[in-house]
Amino acid sequence: RLPDEYFALLQRKSKLGVTIERLGFGDSKFFEESDRVHIPHPHYAFRFAQGHYRRMLLVDGKRLLHKTDKGVLYTEDPVFIGQLTAYFNEQWYAHM
């Protein structure tokens, strides 16, 4: 379970004009019932996905934080970023 502070940060960033596209993996019933997942703002979009769970944060298409079994990794490698971006887009557009 993500802390409430995480969602407060998403709300603040959305209001500042940061575009946030978020995929949620797991139990769809949780996402349907959880008010904190749905932030009513034009810069925030959320979709439920059923693919292989990946935790990542991509900034400006150039900087990536990615969760692995060994911890959180940071990269600016365009090939690796391209692979995870393709995965995200595949999941994002599959659940429109």
C-alpha atoms as a PDB file:
ATOM      1  CA  ARG A   1       0.000   0.000   0.000  1.00  0.00           C
ATOM      2  CA  LEU A   2       1.377   3.366  -1.006  1.00  0.00           C
ATOM      3  CA  PRO A   3       1.390   6.084   1.665  1.00  0.00           C
ATOM      4  CA  ASP A   4      -1.079   8.962   1.586  1.00  0.00           C
ATOM      5  CA  GLU A   5       1.879  11.350   1.166  1.00  0.00           C
ATOM      6  CA  TYR A   6       2.533   9.804  -2.252  1.00  0.00           C
ATOM      7  CA  PHE A   7      -0.945  10.702  -3.456  1.00  0.00           C
ATOM      8  CA  ALA A   8      -0.719  14.172  -1.936  1.00  0.00           C
ATOM      9  CA  LEU A   9       2.481  14.697  -3.937  1.00  0.00           C
ATOM     10  CA  LEU A  10       0.744  13.539  -7.133  1.00  0.00           C
ATOM     11  CA  GLN A  11      -2.059  16.034  -6.487  1.00  0.00           C
ATOM     12  CA  ARG A  12       0.392  18.892  -5.895  1.00  0.00           C
ATOM     13  CA  LYS A  13       2.412  18.085  -9.012  1.00  0.00           C
ATOM     14  CA  SER A  14      -0.747  17.834 -11.138  1.00  0.00           C
ATOM     15  CA  LYS A  15      -1.840  21.268  -9.964  1.00  0.00           C
ATOM     16  CA  LEU A  16       1.596  22.631 -10.915  1.00  0.00           C
ATOM     17  CA  GLY A  17       1.075  21.385 -14.484  1.00  0.00           C
ATOM     18  CA  VAL A  18       3.079  18.154 -14.375  1.00  0.00           C
ATOM     19  CA  THR A  19       1.467  15.529 -16.622  1.00  0.00           C
ATOM     20  CA  ILE A  20       1.117  12.233 -14.774  1.00  0.00           C
ATOM     21  CA  GLU A  21       0.086   9.006 -16.507  1.00  0.00           C
ATOM     22  CA  ARG A  22      -0.202   6.177 -14.021  1.00  0.00           C
ATOM     23  CA  LEU A  23      -0.822   2.466 -14.471  1.00  0.00           C
ATOM     24  CA  GLY A  24      -2.089   0.387 -11.579  1.00  0.00           C
ATOM     25  CA  PHE A  25      -1.401  -3.341 -11.365  1.00  0.00           C
ATOM     26  CA  GLY A  26      -3.232  -5.643  -9.007  1.00  0.00           C
ATOM     27  CA  ASP A  27      -6.809  -6.120  -7.922  1.00  0.00           C
ATOM     28  CA  SER A  28      -9.152  -4.072 -10.119  1.00  0.00           C
ATOM     29  CA  LYS A  29     -11.731  -3.950  -7.296  1.00  0.00           C
ATOM     30  CA  PHE A  30      -9.228  -2.074  -5.112  1.00  0.00           C
ATOM     31  CA  PHE A  31      -8.707   0.557  -7.804  1.00  0.00           C
ATOM     32  CA  GLU A  32     -12.428   0.951  -8.388  1.00  0.00           C
ATOM     33  CA  GLU A  33     -13.053   1.552  -4.676  1.00  0.00           C
ATOM     34  CA  SER A  34      -9.969   3.569  -3.729  1.00  0.00           C
ATOM     35  CA  ASP A  35     -10.773   7.273  -3.902  1.00  0.00           C
ATOM     36  CA  ARG A  36      -7.139   8.295  -3.441  1.00  0.00           C
ATOM     37  CA  VAL A  37      -6.109   6.595  -6.707  1.00  0.00           C
ATOM     38  CA  HIS A  38      -8.364   8.873  -8.754  1.00  0.00           C
ATOM     39  CA  ILE A  39      -7.139  12.463  -8.763  1.00  0.00           C
ATOM     40  CA  PRO A  40      -9.634  14.712 -10.562  1.00  0.00           C
ATOM     41  CA  HIS A  41      -7.281  16.876 -12.600  1.00  0.00           C
ATOM     42  CA  PRO A  42      -6.686  17.246 -16.365  1.00  0.00           C
ATOM     43  CA  HIS A  43      -2.943  16.593 -15.914  1.00  0.00           C
ATOM     44  CA  TYR A  44      -3.549  13.244 -14.179  1.00  0.00           C
ATOM     45  CA  ALA A  45      -4.667  10.015 -15.817  1.00  0.00           C
ATOM     46  CA  PHE A  46      -4.930   6.545 -14.290  1.00  0.00           C
ATOM     47  CA  ARG A  47      -5.589   3.192 -15.913  1.00  0.00           C
ATOM     48  CA  PHE A  48      -5.740  -0.313 -14.511  1.00  0.00           C
ATOM     49  CA  ALA A  49      -3.412  -2.813 -16.234  1.00  0.00           C
ATOM     50  CA  GLN A  50      -3.081  -6.561 -16.027  1.00  0.00           C
ATOM     51  CA  GLY A  51       0.402  -7.090 -17.487  1.00  0.00           C
ATOM     52  CA  HIS A  52       3.616  -7.929 -15.683  1.00  0.00           C
ATOM     53  CA  TYR A  53       4.012  -5.508 -12.770  1.00  0.00           C
ATOM     54  CA  ARG A  54       6.774  -2.940 -13.196  1.00  0.00           C
ATOM     55  CA  ARG A  55       7.440  -0.056 -10.836  1.00  0.00           C
ATOM     56  CA  MET A  56       9.079   2.852 -12.623  1.00  0.00           C
ATOM     57  CA  LEU A  57       9.158   6.610 -12.796  1.00  0.00           C
ATOM     58  CA  LEU A  58      10.108   8.259 -16.090  1.00  0.00           C
ATOM     59  CA  VAL A  59      10.846  11.982 -16.218  1.00  0.00           C
ATOM     60  CA  ASP A  60      10.817  13.879 -19.522  1.00  0.00           C
ATOM     61  CA  GLY A  61      11.474  10.640 -21.426  1.00  0.00           C
ATOM     62  CA  LYS A  62      15.145  10.854 -20.395  1.00  0.00           C
ATOM     63  CA  ARG A  63      15.578   9.861 -16.745  1.00  0.00           C
ATOM     64  CA  LEU A  64      14.275   6.620 -15.309  1.00  0.00           C
ATOM     65  CA  LEU A  65      13.977   5.192 -11.812  1.00  0.00           C
ATOM     66  CA  HIS A  66      13.180   1.493 -11.969  1.00  0.00           C
ATOM     67  CA  LYS A  67      12.530  -0.973  -9.154  1.00  0.00           C
ATOM     68  CA  THR A  68      14.413  -4.267  -9.346  1.00  0.00           C
ATOM     69  CA  ASP A  69      15.034  -7.183  -6.995  1.00  0.00           C
ATOM     70  CA  LYS A  70      18.271  -5.435  -5.983  1.00  0.00           C
ATOM     71  CA  GLY A  71      16.681  -2.066  -5.220  1.00  0.00           C
ATOM     72  CA  VAL A  72      15.911   1.081  -7.185  1.00  0.00           C
ATOM     73  CA  LEU A  73      18.111   1.794 -10.191  1.00  0.00           C
ATOM     74  CA  TYR A  74      18.601   5.094 -12.007  1.00  0.00           C
ATOM     75  CA  THR A  75      19.463   5.263 -15.693  1.00  0.00           C
ATOM     76  CA  GLU A  76      19.634   7.640 -18.615  1.00  0.00           C
ATOM     77  CA  ASP A  77      20.314   4.771 -21.062  1.00  0.00           C
ATOM     78  CA  PRO A  78      18.042   5.502 -24.045  1.00  0.00           C
ATOM     79  CA  VAL A  79      17.848   1.829 -25.086  1.00  0.00           C
ATOM     80  CA  PHE A  80      16.669   0.658 -21.660  1.00  0.00           C
ATOM     81  CA  ILE A  81      14.329   3.628 -21.331  1.00  0.00           C
ATOM     82  CA  GLY A  82      12.933   2.828 -24.781  1.00  0.00           C
ATOM     83  CA  GLN A  83      12.203  -0.755 -23.744  1.00  0.00           C
ATOM     84  CA  LEU A  84      10.313   0.234 -20.606  1.00  0.00           C
ATOM     85  CA  THR A  85       8.543   3.085 -22.392  1.00  0.00           C
ATOM     86  CA  ALA A  86       7.341   0.613 -25.037  1.00  0.00           C
ATOM     87  CA  TYR A  87       6.066  -1.685 -22.280  1.00  0.00           C
ATOM     88  CA  PHE A  88       4.255   1.192 -20.559  1.00  0.00           C
ATOM     89  CA  ASN A  89       2.680   2.350 -23.822  1.00  0.00           C
ATOM     90  CA  GLU A  90       1.597  -1.187 -24.665  1.00  0.00           C
ATOM     91  CA  GLN A  91      -0.175  -1.466 -21.310  1.00  0.00           C
ATOM     92  CA  TRP A  92      -1.519   2.112 -21.440  1.00  0.00           C
ATOM     93  CA  TYR A  93      -3.144   1.820 -24.848  1.00  0.00           C
ATOM     94  CA  ALA A  94      -4.401  -1.729 -24.228  1.00  0.00           C
ATOM     95  CA  HIS A  95      -6.576  -0.396 -21.408  1.00  0.00           C
ATOM     96  CA  MET A  96      -8.153   2.697 -22.923  1.00  0.00           C
END
